[in-house]
Amino acid sequence: MEMTTDMSMEKPGALALKSAANYAAILAALVGLYYTTSVNYLLFHSLAEIFSIVVAFSIFVIAWNSKKYIRNPYLLLIGIAYLFIALIDLLHTFAYKGMPIFTDYDYYANQLWIGGRYLESLTLLLAFFFLRRGIELRPYIVFAVYAVITALLIASIFHWKIFPACFVEGSGLTPFKKISEYIICLILAGSVFLLYKNRQRFTTRVFWILLASIICTILSELSFTLYSSNYGFLNLVGHYFKIFSYLLIYEALIKTGIEEPFDLIFLDLEKMNADLKKEIEVRRKAEKQKENLIENLQLALEEINTLQGLLPICSFCKSIRDDKGYWNSIDSYFSRHSKLEFSHGLCPQCAEKHYPDIFNGDE
């Protein structure tokens, strides 16, 4: 118990030193990864892809085990999708030219790359549809849909062999590959726009990290539209941008999700609570107004009930008989049975009749 460390109790200097050490380790790994190209480009490619695969699989593990608590459908959908993106990336790594696994065709890797990037970019775009509509995702259905899509994609490449060719030896990239890369960039640009429109659904830090991740993915795709060799420099640059993209996704969806769970996972729950409080306050005011209206209606009904029915009234003196059989003047009767108050005066006819010396017909 005494050996546990509370991160919130660490001094700012210690946190800054720890953060600097982490970045230095990442930088050293990237530099070391570059020098593997002088040994064997396949080694560089395999290490770069394995890194992204591990990160993607980790994203899935975190999202899947937190599915009961995540109320943000964007994060949940991406988390599930990255398992299948990782599977396609793994096949891409195994099928890369020079790997002694799939020997009947050298360019399965290019087809798997395009298929995986279409799946990734469309996921990043369509996830905003569920976010804006507030649709509650069913994780098992989403998992099944992605499993079917991935199976069909893999079968179209390895079994049916109907997926368009993406690279031709001696000619380089095919028009389908180049056009697809531009289409993927446009899809990712649409994701950037939607991310900005929905930035209030994320913490500020996560918003900027996701934005940088998508931009790195776009730069990666642009690099892959220009290379002429699977072992060329632009191919290397594209893989580096992909690594940056996955590092940023890791920062946003795993590291941030663990260190700042209340800011990321429960962000929507806090917004829902705030909206619920506003709704309760509005309903309380409406209920109060309703109670006041009912009270006023009850008072009016009591007054009506007080005066309803037949009133026995004398034909000559106009006195009213009450329920006990006593005769009362009109003013005294209404004063007891309502809130009416009477003021007395004389009409012209009565004034002339009873006071002829004072009043006459001309006055």
Protein backbone atom coordinates (compact mmCIF):
# COMPACT_ATOMS: atom_id res chain seq x y z
CA MET A 1 0.00 0.00 0.00
CA GLU A 2 2.82 2.39 0.80
CA MET A 3 4.46 1.83 -2.58
CA THR A 4 1.52 3.10 -4.64
CA THR A 5 2.05 6.44 -6.34
CA ASP A 6 -0.64 9.01 -6.90
CA MET A 7 -0.03 10.69 -10.26
CA SER A 8 -1.85 13.80 -9.09
CA MET A 9 0.70 14.23 -6.26
CA GLU A 10 3.72 14.32 -8.56
CA LYS A 11 5.46 17.66 -8.88
CA PRO A 12 5.15 19.56 -12.20
CA GLY A 13 8.91 19.27 -12.71
CA ALA A 14 8.76 15.50 -12.34
CA LEU A 15 5.87 15.24 -14.78
CA ALA A 16 7.69 17.40 -17.32
CA LEU A 17 10.84 15.29 -16.95
CA LYS A 18 8.83 12.09 -17.38
CA SER A 19 7.10 13.49 -20.48
CA ALA A 20 10.44 14.58 -21.96
CA ALA A 21 11.86 11.11 -21.32
CA ASN A 22 8.91 9.50 -23.12
CA TYR A 23 9.32 11.75 -26.15
CA ALA A 24 13.06 11.13 -26.19
CA ALA A 25 12.44 7.37 -26.17
CA ILE A 26 9.99 7.68 -29.06
CA LEU A 27 12.44 9.83 -31.02
CA ALA A 28 15.25 7.34 -30.41
CA ALA A 29 13.00 4.49 -31.58
CA LEU A 30 12.11 6.36 -34.78
CA VAL A 31 15.76 7.14 -35.51
CA GLY A 32 16.71 3.53 -34.84
CA LEU A 33 13.88 2.41 -37.08
CA TYR A 34 15.29 4.52 -39.91
CA TYR A 35 18.71 2.91 -39.62
CA THR A 36 17.13 -0.53 -40.05
CA THR A 37 16.62 0.42 -43.71
CA SER A 38 20.39 0.19 -44.20
CA VAL A 39 20.23 -3.40 -43.01
CA ASN A 40 17.09 -4.55 -44.79
CA TYR A 41 14.06 -2.55 -45.95
CA LEU A 42 11.82 -5.49 -45.13
CA LEU A 43 12.97 -5.21 -41.52
CA PHE A 44 11.98 -1.53 -41.43
CA HIS A 45 8.64 -2.23 -43.06
CA SER A 46 7.85 -5.13 -40.74
CA LEU A 47 8.73 -3.18 -37.59
CA ALA A 48 6.74 -0.12 -38.72
CA GLU A 49 3.67 -2.19 -39.53
CA ILE A 50 3.91 -4.31 -36.38
CA PHE A 51 3.97 -1.11 -34.32
CA SER A 52 0.77 0.15 -35.93
CA ILE A 53 -0.85 -3.29 -35.58
CA VAL A 54 -0.09 -3.43 -31.85
CA VAL A 55 -1.49 0.07 -31.35
CA ALA A 56 -4.64 -0.72 -33.36
CA PHE A 57 -5.20 -3.94 -31.42
CA SER A 58 -4.70 -2.05 -28.14
CA ILE A 59 -7.30 0.51 -29.20
CA PHE A 60 -9.76 -2.32 -29.76
CA VAL A 61 -9.02 -3.93 -26.39
CA ILE A 62 -9.55 -0.67 -24.50
CA ALA A 63 -12.74 0.20 -26.41
CA TRP A 64 -14.23 -3.29 -26.18
CA ASN A 65 -13.65 -3.62 -22.44
CA SER A 66 -15.04 -0.11 -21.86
CA LYS A 67 -18.09 -0.48 -24.11
CA LYS A 68 -20.47 -0.41 -21.12
CA TYR A 69 -19.17 3.01 -20.10
CA ILE A 70 -18.36 4.74 -23.38
CA ARG A 71 -21.29 6.94 -24.38
CA ASN A 72 -19.46 8.44 -27.35
CA PRO A 73 -20.38 6.30 -30.41
CA TYR A 74 -17.48 7.81 -32.38
CA LEU A 75 -14.87 6.37 -30.03
CA LEU A 76 -16.63 3.03 -29.71
CA LEU A 77 -17.04 2.54 -33.46
CA ILE A 78 -13.41 3.44 -34.16
CA GLY A 79 -12.22 1.18 -31.37
CA ILE A 80 -14.03 -1.85 -32.83
CA ALA A 81 -13.04 -1.03 -36.42
CA TYR A 82 -9.34 -0.87 -35.61
CA LEU A 83 -9.25 -4.58 -34.80
CA PHE A 84 -10.14 -5.35 -38.42
CA ILE A 85 -7.85 -2.61 -39.74
CA ALA A 86 -5.07 -4.27 -37.73
CA LEU A 87 -5.93 -7.64 -39.29
CA ILE A 88 -5.66 -6.20 -42.82
CA ASP A 89 -2.38 -4.47 -41.88
CA LEU A 90 -1.05 -7.80 -40.61
CA LEU A 91 -1.86 -9.50 -43.91
CA HIS A 92 -0.31 -6.51 -45.70
CA THR A 93 2.90 -7.10 -43.73
CA PHE A 94 2.94 -10.82 -44.53
CA ALA A 95 2.22 -10.21 -48.22
CA TYR A 96 4.85 -7.49 -48.74
CA LYS A 97 7.20 -8.15 -51.62
CA GLY A 98 10.14 -10.20 -50.40
CA MET A 99 8.26 -11.97 -47.60
CA PRO A 100 8.29 -15.75 -48.28
CA ILE A 101 4.62 -16.31 -47.43
CA PHE A 102 2.39 -15.47 -50.41
CA THR A 103 4.64 -16.34 -53.34
CA ASP A 104 2.09 -16.59 -56.17
CA TYR A 105 1.76 -12.80 -56.53
CA ASP A 106 4.12 -10.02 -55.40
CA TYR A 107 1.64 -7.19 -54.98
CA TYR A 108 -1.06 -8.43 -52.64
CA ALA A 109 0.35 -5.92 -50.14
CA ASN A 110 -0.60 -2.96 -52.34
CA GLN A 111 -4.17 -4.21 -52.66
CA LEU A 112 -4.44 -4.89 -48.93
CA TRP A 113 -3.08 -1.41 -48.23
CA ILE A 114 -5.78 0.27 -50.33
CA GLY A 115 -8.49 -1.93 -48.84
CA GLY A 116 -7.32 -1.17 -45.30
CA ARG A 117 -7.10 2.56 -45.92
CA TYR A 118 -10.60 2.64 -47.44
CA LEU A 119 -11.88 0.86 -44.34
CA GLU A 120 -10.04 3.23 -42.02
CA SER A 121 -11.01 6.48 -43.77
CA LEU A 122 -14.67 5.50 -44.20
CA THR A 123 -14.82 4.53 -40.53
CA LEU A 124 -13.43 7.90 -39.46
CA LEU A 125 -16.04 9.62 -41.64
CA LEU A 126 -19.12 7.48 -40.91
CA ALA A 127 -18.46 7.50 -37.18
CA PHE A 128 -19.57 11.15 -37.12
CA PHE A 129 -22.98 10.10 -38.46
CA PHE A 130 -23.58 8.10 -35.29
CA LEU A 131 -22.08 10.88 -33.17
CA ARG A 132 -24.37 13.61 -34.56
CA ARG A 133 -27.50 11.47 -34.43
CA GLY A 134 -26.73 10.26 -30.93
CA ILE A 135 -27.41 6.67 -32.00
CA GLU A 136 -26.55 4.04 -29.42
CA LEU A 137 -24.27 1.47 -31.02
CA ARG A 138 -24.71 -2.24 -30.50
CA PRO A 139 -21.11 -3.47 -30.23
CA TYR A 140 -21.79 -7.08 -31.23
CA ILE A 141 -23.68 -6.02 -34.36
CA VAL A 142 -20.90 -3.57 -35.30
CA PHE A 143 -18.33 -6.33 -34.73
CA ALA A 144 -20.28 -8.73 -36.98
CA VAL A 145 -20.68 -6.13 -39.76
CA TYR A 146 -16.95 -5.34 -39.80
CA ALA A 147 -16.13 -9.06 -39.73
CA VAL A 148 -18.26 -9.65 -42.84
CA ILE A 149 -16.82 -6.62 -44.68
CA THR A 150 -13.25 -7.66 -43.84
CA ALA A 151 -13.87 -11.27 -44.90
CA LEU A 152 -15.30 -10.14 -48.24
CA LEU A 153 -12.36 -7.79 -48.81
CA ILE A 154 -9.79 -10.49 -48.08
CA ALA A 155 -11.64 -13.03 -50.24
CA SER A 156 -11.78 -10.57 -53.16
CA ILE A 157 -7.97 -10.31 -53.03
CA PHE A 158 -6.78 -13.83 -52.23
CA HIS A 159 -9.62 -16.14 -53.32
CA TRP A 160 -11.72 -14.52 -56.05
CA LYS A 161 -8.84 -12.25 -57.20
CA ILE A 162 -11.27 -9.58 -58.39
CA PHE A 163 -9.75 -6.67 -56.49
CA PRO A 164 -8.18 -4.21 -58.98
CA ALA A 165 -4.42 -4.35 -59.42
CA CYS A 166 -2.55 -1.54 -57.62
CA PHE A 167 1.04 -2.02 -58.80
CA VAL A 168 2.59 -3.27 -62.03
CA GLU A 169 6.24 -4.29 -62.20
CA GLY A 170 8.13 -1.88 -64.44
CA SER A 171 5.21 0.58 -64.66
CA GLY A 172 4.65 1.43 -61.00
CA LEU A 173 1.34 2.44 -59.49
CA THR A 174 -1.84 1.77 -61.45
CA PRO A 175 -4.41 4.54 -62.08
CA PHE A 176 -6.79 2.75 -59.68
CA LYS A 177 -4.20 2.96 -56.89
CA LYS A 178 -3.47 6.66 -57.50
CA ILE A 179 -7.13 7.65 -57.81
CA SER A 180 -7.97 5.63 -54.71
CA GLU A 181 -5.31 7.46 -52.69
CA TYR A 182 -6.82 10.82 -53.70
CA ILE A 183 -10.34 9.60 -52.88
CA ILE A 184 -9.12 8.43 -49.48
CA CYS A 185 -7.55 11.86 -48.91
CA LEU A 186 -10.88 13.53 -49.73
CA ILE A 187 -12.68 11.22 -47.32
CA LEU A 188 -10.16 12.08 -44.62
CA ALA A 189 -10.59 15.80 -45.40
CA GLY A 190 -14.31 15.33 -44.82
CA SER A 191 -13.43 13.73 -41.47
CA VAL A 192 -11.38 16.80 -40.56
CA PHE A 193 -14.36 19.04 -41.34
CA LEU A 194 -16.76 16.92 -39.28
CA LEU A 195 -14.27 16.69 -36.43
CA TYR A 196 -14.15 20.48 -36.29
CA LYS A 197 -17.96 20.71 -36.42
CA ASN A 198 -18.22 18.27 -33.49
CA ARG A 199 -15.24 19.52 -31.49
CA GLN A 200 -17.45 20.23 -28.46
CA ARG A 201 -17.98 16.47 -28.09
CA PHE A 202 -14.28 16.00 -27.25
CA THR A 203 -11.91 17.53 -24.78
CA THR A 204 -9.70 20.24 -26.29
CA ARG A 205 -6.60 18.07 -26.03
CA VAL A 206 -8.23 15.05 -27.68
CA PHE A 207 -9.67 17.23 -30.47
CA TRP A 208 -6.24 18.56 -31.47
CA ILE A 209 -4.62 15.13 -31.20
CA LEU A 210 -7.26 13.54 -33.43
CA LEU A 211 -6.96 16.42 -35.89
CA ALA A 212 -3.18 15.97 -36.10
CA SER A 213 -3.64 12.21 -36.51
CA ILE A 214 -6.00 12.58 -39.48
CA ILE A 215 -3.69 15.17 -41.10
CA CYS A 216 -0.74 12.75 -40.76
CA THR A 217 -2.87 10.05 -42.37
CA ILE A 218 -3.59 12.38 -45.29
CA LEU A 219 0.13 13.13 -45.70
CA SER A 220 0.84 9.41 -45.59
CA GLU A 221 -1.67 8.75 -48.38
CA LEU A 222 -0.22 11.56 -50.50
CA SER A 223 3.23 10.00 -50.13
CA PHE A 224 1.89 6.68 -51.34
CA THR A 225 0.51 8.31 -54.50
CA LEU A 226 3.99 9.30 -55.66
CA TYR A 227 6.32 6.38 -54.97
CA SER A 228 7.48 4.17 -57.84
CA SER A 229 9.06 1.35 -55.83
CA ASN A 230 7.89 -0.62 -52.82
CA TYR A 231 11.36 -0.05 -51.39
CA GLY A 232 11.61 3.65 -52.36
CA PHE A 233 12.13 6.76 -50.20
CA LEU A 234 8.54 8.02 -50.52
CA ASN A 235 7.31 4.62 -49.40
CA LEU A 236 9.44 5.07 -46.29
CA VAL A 237 8.08 8.59 -45.72
CA GLY A 238 4.51 7.31 -46.05
CA HIS A 239 5.14 4.68 -43.38
CA TYR A 240 6.61 7.30 -41.04
CA PHE A 241 3.50 9.46 -41.37
CA LYS A 242 1.42 6.36 -40.67
CA ILE A 243 3.48 5.76 -37.52
CA PHE A 244 2.89 9.38 -36.43
CA SER A 245 -0.82 8.93 -37.08
CA TYR A 246 -1.01 5.79 -34.95
CA LEU A 247 1.07 7.40 -32.20
CA LEU A 248 -1.39 10.28 -32.04
CA ILE A 249 -4.37 7.91 -32.02
CA TYR A 250 -2.66 6.05 -29.19
CA GLU A 251 -2.25 9.33 -27.32
CA ALA A 252 -5.88 10.27 -27.85
CA LEU A 253 -7.72 7.00 -27.35
CA ILE A 254 -5.50 4.98 -24.99
CA LYS A 255 -3.08 7.12 -23.03
CA THR A 256 -5.57 9.95 -22.61
CA GLY A 257 -8.40 7.50 -22.01
CA ILE A 258 -6.47 5.96 -19.10
CA GLU A 259 -4.95 9.09 -17.57
CA GLU A 260 -8.01 11.32 -18.05
CA PRO A 261 -10.96 8.92 -18.01
CA PHE A 262 -13.45 11.43 -16.73
CA ASP A 263 -12.55 13.93 -19.44
CA LEU A 264 -12.74 11.40 -22.28
CA ILE A 265 -14.96 8.41 -21.52
CA PHE A 266 -17.50 10.23 -19.32
CA LEU A 267 -17.55 13.49 -21.26
CA ASP A 268 -20.90 12.69 -22.86
CA LEU A 269 -22.29 11.50 -19.52
CA GLU A 270 -21.47 14.87 -17.96
CA LYS A 271 -23.16 16.65 -20.87
CA MET A 272 -26.21 14.42 -20.47
CA ASN A 273 -26.35 15.23 -16.74
CA ALA A 274 -26.18 18.96 -17.47
CA ASP A 275 -28.95 18.66 -20.06
CA LEU A 276 -30.99 16.58 -17.62
CA LYS A 277 -30.63 19.22 -14.91
CA LYS A 278 -31.86 21.88 -17.33
CA GLU A 279 -34.79 19.69 -18.30
CA ILE A 280 -35.67 19.08 -14.63
CA GLU A 281 -35.57 22.82 -13.94
CA VAL A 282 -37.84 23.53 -16.90
CA ARG A 283 -40.27 20.85 -15.76
CA ARG A 284 -40.26 22.19 -12.21
CA LYS A 285 -41.22 25.64 -13.46
CA ALA A 286 -43.92 24.14 -15.67
CA GLU A 287 -45.20 22.08 -12.72
CA LYS A 288 -45.29 25.19 -10.52
CA GLN A 289 -47.25 27.09 -13.16
CA LYS A 290 -49.58 24.13 -13.48
CA GLU A 291 -50.16 24.05 -9.71
CA ASN A 292 -50.90 27.78 -9.67
CA LEU A 293 -53.36 27.35 -12.53
CA ILE A 294 -55.09 24.45 -10.77
CA GLU A 295 -55.31 26.49 -7.57
CA ASN A 296 -56.88 29.43 -9.42
CA LEU A 297 -59.32 27.11 -11.16
CA GLN A 298 -60.28 25.55 -7.84
CA LEU A 299 -60.94 28.96 -6.34
CA ALA A 300 -63.04 29.93 -9.34
CA LEU A 301 -64.94 26.64 -9.08
CA GLU A 302 -65.61 27.24 -5.39
CA GLU A 303 -67.02 30.67 -6.18
CA ILE A 304 -69.16 29.20 -8.94
CA ASN A 305 -70.36 26.41 -6.67
CA THR A 306 -71.21 28.99 -4.05
CA LEU A 307 -73.55 30.81 -6.39
CA GLN A 308 -74.97 27.89 -8.37
CA GLY A 309 -78.51 26.53 -7.99
CA LEU A 310 -81.96 28.18 -7.56
CA LEU A 311 -82.24 31.14 -5.19
CA PRO A 312 -85.71 31.68 -3.52
CA ILE A 313 -86.28 35.45 -3.69
CA CYS A 314 -89.23 37.51 -2.55
CA SER A 315 -91.25 38.98 -5.39
CA PHE A 316 -91.76 42.27 -3.50
CA CYS A 317 -88.85 43.06 -1.18
CA LYS A 318 -86.33 40.88 -3.05
CA SER A 319 -85.08 39.19 0.12
CA ILE A 320 -83.41 35.79 -0.34
CA ARG A 321 -84.20 32.69 1.71
CA ASP A 322 -81.13 30.72 2.87
CA ASP A 323 -80.81 26.97 3.48
CA LYS A 324 -82.04 27.36 7.07
CA GLY A 325 -85.24 29.09 6.01
CA TYR A 326 -84.28 32.60 7.08
CA TRP A 327 -84.89 35.54 4.81
CA ASN A 328 -81.91 37.80 4.17
CA SER A 329 -81.41 40.96 2.21
CA ILE A 330 -79.56 40.58 -1.03
CA ASP A 331 -76.46 42.38 0.19
CA SER A 332 -76.14 40.37 3.37
CA TYR A 333 -76.71 37.07 1.57
CA PHE A 334 -74.06 37.65 -1.09
CA SER A 335 -71.64 39.06 1.46
CA ARG A 336 -71.78 35.77 3.39
CA HIS A 337 -71.64 33.48 0.34
CA SER A 338 -69.09 35.25 -1.87
CA LYS A 339 -66.32 37.80 -1.81
CA LEU A 340 -68.57 40.54 -3.07
CA GLU A 341 -68.73 43.82 -1.17
CA PHE A 342 -71.63 46.23 -1.56
CA SER A 343 -71.66 50.00 -1.63
CA HIS A 344 -75.02 51.69 -1.15
CA GLY A 345 -76.52 54.47 -3.19
CA LEU A 346 -79.84 55.70 -4.66
CA CYS A 347 -81.14 55.27 -8.16
CA PRO A 348 -82.97 58.31 -9.60
CA GLN A 349 -86.46 56.70 -9.32
CA CYS A 350 -86.01 55.74 -5.67
CA ALA A 351 -84.49 59.11 -4.78
CA GLU A 352 -87.51 60.96 -6.25
CA LYS A 353 -89.98 58.57 -4.63
CA HIS A 354 -88.55 58.62 -1.12
CA TYR A 355 -87.10 62.10 -1.02
CA PRO A 356 -89.44 64.27 -3.12
CA ASP A 357 -88.46 67.40 -1.22
CA ILE A 358 -84.83 67.00 -2.19
CA PHE A 359 -85.00 65.33 -5.59
CA ASN A 360 -87.38 66.02 -8.45
CA GLY A 361 -87.63 64.75 -12.00
CA ASP A 362 -85.72 67.72 -13.45
CA GLU A 363 -82.58 67.12 -11.35
